[in-house]
Amino acid sequence: MPKPRKSLISLQDTPYYHCVSRCVRRAFLCGEDKFTGQSYEHRRGWVEDKMLALAKVFAIDVCAYAVMSNHTHLVLHVNEDEAINWDVKQVLERWHQLHKGTQFTDKYLRDEALAEFELASVYESCEKYRKRLMDISWFMRELNESVARMANNEDKCTGRFWEGRFKSQALLDEAALVACMAYVDLNPVRAKMELTPETSKHTSIKTRIEVAKTNQTQPKNLFPFIGYEREDQPQGLPFKLTDYLELVDLTGRVIRSDKRGALDISLAPILQRINLTTEQWLEVSTGFEKHFTTAVGSERKLAKYCEHTHIKRRPNLAACRRLLS
């Protein structure tokens, strides 16, 4: 029996999660429907804009994303420390960007006098909203529901747009994280929709490359690469941006059938750091969903995750041993 999404989230094991949403039956999220000839390409912008707007409200960072023709991939980082440090007003202001809140929270934000019971209600609502603003299920709900409403309105129909709820995978270590991000960023290249990562529209890799080319910095709306983590550094992805871009470019060249290439491990510092062979890397970065389901990581971290989430059988244990050890 499938487990509820909230029981698959274990922040004590990892703040990183891979989320996938697929459209129901032949419904097209974006691209061109070959059966009707109608183009839905503009909907890619809906997803991208809404996702990045939500990241500014939630204590959830976007590490990687790809908007495909009938599904979306997101790699998300839950910033628990940020949410905990918000004061009451910050929490309410963020939540009110999404929903109305209550009569008492409205009064609190207008700096009106509140009775003791009203103030107690505000504090109770604040803590409820704080939990929601660091909840991946709420993030995906806000994203998918708004896109579904807009798509159904455009199609002049009602009913389910998404194929049930989103799929969630816990990324338990650095190898799982970087492999999943590369898998997401290379989705359009692997699907033969694009030739190179830098031309892959509505992906995080294209955004990162464009910003890096123009001003040698990183996009403000994406979780940054910070290199090796140190005490005085802000939060970010534990790799160098240049190393990651080079690794994705090399991997993209190898998987393209029209261009021969080889992945030289001496040119891929990230592989040396996470201790994966080129054969392991190519298999996991091009078939991430095929090999892994619920959680991905080393055998030791997988065991701890299953203990904390009360999963009796360790999922994908053989694949994790073969590909991530």
Protein backbone atom coordinates (compact mmCIF):
# COMPACT_ATOMS: atom_id res chain seq x y z
CA MET A 1 0.00 0.00 0.00
CA PRO A 2 1.40 3.44 -0.93
CA LYS A 3 2.50 5.57 2.03
CA PRO A 4 1.27 9.17 2.44
CA ARG A 5 3.76 11.80 1.24
CA LYS A 6 4.21 13.34 4.67
CA SER A 7 5.47 10.02 6.04
CA LEU A 8 8.16 9.92 3.32
CA ILE A 9 9.62 13.29 4.37
CA SER A 10 12.30 12.96 7.03
CA LEU A 11 14.16 16.23 7.54
CA GLN A 12 16.47 14.66 10.08
CA ASP A 13 17.82 12.49 7.23
CA THR A 14 17.82 14.96 4.34
CA PRO A 15 16.33 18.31 3.27
CA TYR A 16 16.51 17.33 -0.45
CA TYR A 17 13.63 15.72 -2.39
CA HIS A 18 12.90 14.89 -6.02
CA CYS A 19 9.25 15.49 -6.95
CA VAL A 20 7.55 14.37 -10.18
CA SER A 21 4.03 15.26 -11.37
CA ARG A 22 2.49 13.66 -14.46
CA CYS A 23 -0.60 14.61 -16.46
CA VAL A 24 -3.51 12.19 -16.66
CA ARG A 25 -4.03 10.06 -19.81
CA ARG A 26 -3.11 12.05 -22.98
CA ALA A 27 -3.48 15.46 -21.43
CA PHE A 28 -0.69 17.80 -22.51
CA LEU A 29 0.92 20.13 -20.06
CA CYS A 30 3.10 21.77 -22.70
CA GLY A 31 4.44 21.10 -26.18
CA GLU A 32 2.32 20.15 -29.19
CA ASP A 33 -0.39 17.50 -29.11
CA LYS A 34 0.28 15.25 -32.13
CA PHE A 35 -3.36 14.07 -32.12
CA THR A 36 -4.95 17.52 -32.43
CA GLY A 37 -2.02 19.64 -33.60
CA GLN A 38 -2.73 22.17 -30.86
CA SER A 39 0.25 23.78 -29.16
CA TYR A 40 0.42 24.08 -25.39
CA GLU A 41 3.97 25.39 -25.30
CA HIS A 42 2.98 28.55 -23.43
CA ARG A 43 2.03 26.47 -20.38
CA ARG A 44 5.71 25.85 -19.64
CA GLY A 45 5.89 29.46 -18.57
CA TRP A 46 2.91 28.99 -16.24
CA VAL A 47 4.69 26.21 -14.37
CA GLU A 48 8.06 27.93 -14.25
CA ASP A 49 6.69 31.30 -13.13
CA LYS A 50 4.41 29.80 -10.47
CA MET A 51 7.13 27.50 -9.11
CA LEU A 52 9.69 30.30 -8.74
CA ALA A 53 7.07 32.62 -7.23
CA LEU A 54 6.16 29.99 -4.63
CA ALA A 55 9.83 29.53 -3.75
CA LYS A 56 9.91 33.18 -2.66
CA VAL A 57 7.00 32.57 -0.27
CA PHE A 58 7.80 29.10 1.06
CA ALA A 59 10.88 28.06 3.04
CA ILE A 60 11.60 25.75 0.12
CA ASP A 61 14.40 26.29 -2.41
CA VAL A 62 14.43 25.08 -6.01
CA CYS A 63 17.67 23.22 -6.82
CA ALA A 64 16.76 21.90 -10.27
CA TYR A 65 13.70 21.66 -12.50
CA ALA A 66 12.58 20.61 -15.96
CA VAL A 67 9.14 21.27 -17.46
CA MET A 68 8.44 18.52 -20.00
CA SER A 69 5.48 17.96 -22.34
CA ASN A 70 3.33 15.96 -19.92
CA HIS A 71 5.24 15.97 -16.62
CA THR A 72 7.44 18.10 -14.40
CA HIS A 73 10.60 17.36 -12.41
CA LEU A 74 11.65 19.37 -9.35
CA VAL A 75 14.53 18.92 -6.93
CA LEU A 76 13.60 20.83 -3.78
CA HIS A 77 15.46 21.82 -0.60
CA VAL A 78 13.47 22.35 2.61
CA ASN A 79 15.00 25.27 4.54
CA GLU A 80 13.77 24.39 8.02
CA ASP A 81 16.09 26.87 9.79
CA GLU A 82 14.71 29.77 7.76
CA ALA A 83 11.09 28.90 8.61
CA ILE A 84 11.84 28.50 12.31
CA ASN A 85 13.48 31.95 12.45
CA TRP A 86 10.54 33.82 10.90
CA ASP A 87 8.64 35.96 13.38
CA VAL A 88 4.84 35.95 13.56
CA LYS A 89 4.41 38.86 11.15
CA GLN A 90 6.72 37.32 8.54
CA VAL A 91 4.82 34.03 8.63
CA LEU A 92 1.43 35.72 8.29
CA GLU A 93 2.57 38.05 5.49
CA ARG A 94 3.87 35.08 3.52
CA TRP A 95 0.73 33.01 4.06
CA HIS A 96 -1.52 35.91 3.09
CA GLN A 97 0.18 36.02 -0.29
CA LEU A 98 -1.38 32.60 -0.90
CA HIS A 99 -4.63 32.60 1.12
CA LYS A 100 -6.85 34.97 3.07
CA GLY A 101 -5.97 33.72 6.53
CA THR A 102 -8.40 34.51 9.35
CA GLN A 103 -10.16 37.58 10.66
CA PHE A 104 -7.71 37.71 13.56
CA THR A 105 -4.58 37.38 11.41
CA ASP A 106 -5.90 40.23 9.25
CA LYS A 107 -6.30 42.41 12.33
CA TYR A 108 -2.81 41.49 13.53
CA LEU A 109 -1.25 42.55 10.22
CA ARG A 110 -3.16 45.84 10.34
CA ASP A 111 -1.66 46.44 13.82
CA GLU A 112 -5.10 46.64 15.40
CA ALA A 113 -5.64 45.91 19.09
CA LEU A 114 -6.52 42.29 19.81
CA ALA A 115 -8.11 40.64 22.83
CA GLU A 116 -6.20 37.91 24.59
CA PHE A 117 -8.20 35.10 22.99
CA GLU A 118 -7.75 36.70 19.55
CA LEU A 119 -3.99 36.89 20.04
CA ALA A 120 -3.91 33.24 21.11
CA SER A 121 -5.74 32.36 17.90
CA VAL A 122 -3.19 34.33 15.87
CA TYR A 123 -0.29 32.45 17.46
CA GLU A 124 -2.01 29.13 16.83
CA SER A 125 -2.62 30.02 13.18
CA CYS A 126 0.97 31.22 12.84
CA GLU A 127 2.41 27.87 13.87
CA LYS A 128 0.04 26.05 11.55
CA TYR A 129 1.04 28.28 8.63
CA ARG A 130 4.74 27.97 9.51
CA LYS A 131 4.54 24.17 9.16
CA ARG A 132 2.71 24.47 5.86
CA LEU A 133 5.28 26.94 4.48
CA MET A 134 8.03 24.34 4.92
CA ASP A 135 5.91 21.42 3.71
CA ILE A 136 6.67 19.97 0.27
CA SER A 137 3.12 18.62 -0.05
CA TRP A 138 1.71 22.13 0.38
CA PHE A 139 4.25 23.54 -2.09
CA MET A 140 3.29 20.96 -4.74
CA ARG A 141 -0.40 21.45 -3.99
CA GLU A 142 -0.18 25.21 -4.57
CA LEU A 143 1.77 24.65 -7.79
CA ASN A 144 -0.25 21.83 -9.32
CA GLU A 145 -3.70 23.08 -8.35
CA SER A 146 -3.17 26.50 -9.91
CA VAL A 147 -1.77 25.03 -13.14
CA ALA A 148 -4.65 22.52 -13.34
CA ARG A 149 -7.24 25.28 -12.93
CA MET A 150 -5.63 27.41 -15.65
CA ALA A 151 -5.32 24.44 -18.03
CA ASN A 152 -8.91 23.29 -17.47
CA ASN A 153 -10.15 26.84 -17.96
CA GLU A 154 -8.23 27.11 -21.23
CA ASP A 155 -9.49 23.70 -22.39
CA LYS A 156 -13.03 24.58 -21.28
CA CYS A 157 -13.37 21.37 -19.30
CA THR A 158 -13.46 20.09 -15.74
CA GLY A 159 -12.01 17.09 -13.98
CA ARG A 160 -8.62 15.78 -12.99
CA PHE A 161 -5.59 17.17 -14.82
CA TRP A 162 -2.78 15.50 -12.87
CA GLU A 163 -2.29 11.75 -12.54
CA GLY A 164 -2.99 11.53 -8.82
CA ARG A 165 -0.53 13.08 -6.40
CA PHE A 166 3.12 13.80 -7.07
CA LYS A 167 5.87 11.22 -6.59
CA SER A 168 8.51 12.03 -3.97
CA GLN A 169 12.04 10.64 -3.60
CA ALA A 170 14.35 11.41 -0.67
CA LEU A 171 17.93 12.21 -1.76
CA LEU A 172 20.00 11.03 1.19
CA ASP A 173 23.57 11.94 0.23
CA GLU A 174 25.66 14.03 -2.16
CA ALA A 175 25.89 11.30 -4.80
CA ALA A 176 22.09 10.92 -4.92
CA LEU A 177 21.61 14.70 -4.98
CA VAL A 178 23.97 15.52 -7.84
CA ALA A 179 22.89 12.47 -9.88
CA CYS A 180 19.22 13.42 -9.53
CA MET A 181 19.90 17.06 -10.43
CA ALA A 182 21.81 16.01 -13.55
CA TYR A 183 19.02 13.57 -14.45
CA VAL A 184 16.47 16.39 -14.20
CA ASP A 185 18.58 18.95 -16.08
CA LEU A 186 19.30 16.49 -18.91
CA ASN A 187 15.68 15.36 -19.35
CA PRO A 188 15.07 17.35 -22.56
CA VAL A 189 18.39 16.17 -24.08
CA ARG A 190 17.69 12.55 -23.19
CA ALA A 191 14.17 12.83 -24.63
CA LYS A 192 15.67 14.30 -27.86
CA MET A 193 13.66 17.48 -27.38
CA GLU A 194 16.84 19.59 -27.24
CA LEU A 195 20.41 19.17 -28.47
CA THR A 196 22.29 20.69 -25.55
CA PRO A 197 21.64 21.68 -21.91
CA GLU A 198 22.12 25.39 -22.67
CA THR A 199 19.30 25.31 -25.24
CA SER A 200 16.91 23.29 -23.04
CA LYS A 201 14.08 25.75 -22.48
CA HIS A 202 12.35 25.94 -19.09
CA THR A 203 15.05 24.06 -17.22
CA SER A 204 17.22 25.14 -14.32
CA ILE A 205 20.43 24.33 -16.20
CA LYS A 206 19.61 26.81 -18.97
CA THR A 207 18.85 29.51 -16.40
CA ARG A 208 22.12 28.86 -14.54
CA ILE A 209 24.18 28.91 -17.75
CA GLU A 210 22.60 32.13 -19.04
CA VAL A 211 23.20 33.98 -15.77
CA ALA A 212 26.76 32.64 -15.47
CA LYS A 213 27.56 33.84 -18.99
CA THR A 214 26.24 37.36 -18.46
CA ASN A 215 27.54 38.35 -15.05
CA GLN A 216 29.47 35.37 -13.60
CA THR A 217 26.98 35.03 -10.73
CA GLN A 218 24.13 32.67 -9.91
CA PRO A 219 20.34 33.06 -10.31
CA LYS A 220 18.71 34.60 -7.25
CA ASN A 221 15.61 32.42 -7.63
CA LEU A 222 17.53 29.11 -7.51
CA PHE A 223 19.36 27.44 -4.63
CA PRO A 224 23.02 28.45 -5.15
CA PHE A 225 26.12 26.31 -5.48
CA ILE A 226 28.56 27.18 -2.70
CA GLY A 227 31.35 24.65 -3.23
CA TYR A 228 32.71 22.98 -0.13
CA GLU A 229 30.60 23.77 2.92
CA ARG A 230 32.23 25.85 5.66
CA GLU A 231 30.91 27.33 8.88
CA ASP A 232 30.88 30.91 7.60
CA GLN A 233 29.08 30.11 4.35
CA PRO A 234 25.37 30.58 3.61
CA GLN A 235 23.29 27.52 2.80
CA GLY A 236 23.68 26.09 -0.66
CA LEU A 237 24.50 23.09 -2.82
CA PRO A 238 27.79 21.47 -1.72
CA PHE A 239 29.47 21.62 -5.15
CA LYS A 240 31.16 24.21 -7.34
CA LEU A 241 28.92 25.62 -10.06
CA THR A 242 31.65 25.30 -12.72
CA ASP A 243 32.24 21.64 -11.83
CA TYR A 244 28.52 20.87 -12.05
CA LEU A 245 28.01 22.66 -15.38
CA GLU A 246 31.00 20.86 -16.86
CA LEU A 247 29.81 17.48 -15.59
CA VAL A 248 26.31 17.99 -17.04
CA ASP A 249 27.79 19.12 -20.37
CA LEU A 250 30.07 16.08 -20.56
CA THR A 251 27.22 13.73 -19.62
CA GLY A 252 24.93 15.34 -22.19
CA ARG A 253 27.50 14.77 -24.94
CA VAL A 254 27.81 11.09 -24.04
CA ILE A 255 24.08 10.35 -24.07
CA ARG A 256 23.45 12.10 -27.40
CA SER A 257 23.26 9.54 -30.19
CA ASP A 258 24.34 12.03 -32.88
CA LYS A 259 27.60 13.04 -31.21
CA ARG A 260 30.27 10.73 -29.91
CA GLY A 261 31.78 11.49 -26.57
CA ALA A 262 33.49 10.02 -23.56
CA LEU A 263 33.30 11.00 -19.93
CA ASP A 264 36.84 11.46 -18.64
CA ILE A 265 36.81 11.15 -14.85
CA SER A 266 39.86 13.43 -14.66
CA LEU A 267 37.68 16.20 -16.09
CA ALA A 268 34.84 15.58 -13.61
CA PRO A 269 35.92 16.59 -10.07
CA ILE A 270 32.45 15.91 -8.67
CA LEU A 271 32.72 12.22 -9.59
CA GLN A 272 36.04 11.99 -7.79
CA ARG A 273 34.52 13.62 -4.73
CA ILE A 274 31.47 11.35 -4.53
CA ASN A 275 33.61 8.34 -5.47
CA LEU A 276 31.61 7.07 -8.45
CA THR A 277 33.02 5.48 -11.60
CA THR A 278 32.02 6.87 -14.98
CA GLU A 279 29.99 3.71 -15.64
CA GLN A 280 28.06 4.14 -12.39
CA TRP A 281 27.51 7.84 -13.07
CA LEU A 282 26.16 7.36 -16.59
CA GLU A 283 23.78 4.63 -15.49
CA VAL A 284 22.38 6.50 -12.50
CA SER A 285 22.24 9.97 -14.13
CA THR A 286 20.38 8.70 -17.20
CA GLY A 287 18.07 6.21 -15.48
CA PHE A 288 17.42 7.68 -12.06
CA GLU A 289 13.67 6.95 -11.96
CA LYS A 290 14.17 3.50 -13.45
CA HIS A 291 16.54 2.42 -10.68
CA PHE A 292 15.13 4.25 -7.65
CA THR A 293 11.70 4.92 -6.14
CA THR A 294 11.19 6.16 -2.58
CA ALA A 295 14.66 7.00 -1.28
CA VAL A 296 18.15 7.13 -2.76
CA GLY A 297 21.49 7.01 -0.97
CA SER A 298 24.20 4.86 0.55
CA GLU A 299 23.22 1.68 2.35
CA ARG A 300 23.93 3.21 5.78
CA LYS A 301 21.85 6.34 5.14
CA LEU A 302 19.08 4.29 3.59
CA ALA A 303 18.88 2.18 6.74
CA LYS A 304 18.59 5.26 8.97
CA TYR A 305 15.93 6.79 6.71
CA CYS A 306 13.82 3.62 6.82
CA GLU A 307 14.12 3.52 10.60
CA HIS A 308 12.95 7.13 10.96
CA THR A 309 10.07 6.75 8.48
CA HIS A 310 9.04 3.29 9.81
CA ILE A 311 9.60 1.57 6.46
CA LYS A 312 10.28 -2.12 7.14
CA ARG A 313 11.91 -3.04 3.82
CA ARG A 314 14.71 -0.87 2.47
CA PRO A 315 13.68 0.25 -1.05
CA ASN A 316 16.14 -0.07 -3.96
CA LEU A 317 18.81 -1.56 -1.71
CA ALA A 318 20.44 -3.60 -4.49
CA ALA A 319 20.49 -0.60 -6.86
CA CYS A 320 21.96 1.66 -4.18
CA ARG A 321 24.69 -0.90 -3.45
CA ARG A 322 25.55 -1.32 -7.13
CA LEU A 323 25.32 2.27 -8.31
CA LEU A 324 26.10 4.48 -5.32
CA SER A 325 28.81 2.59 -3.47
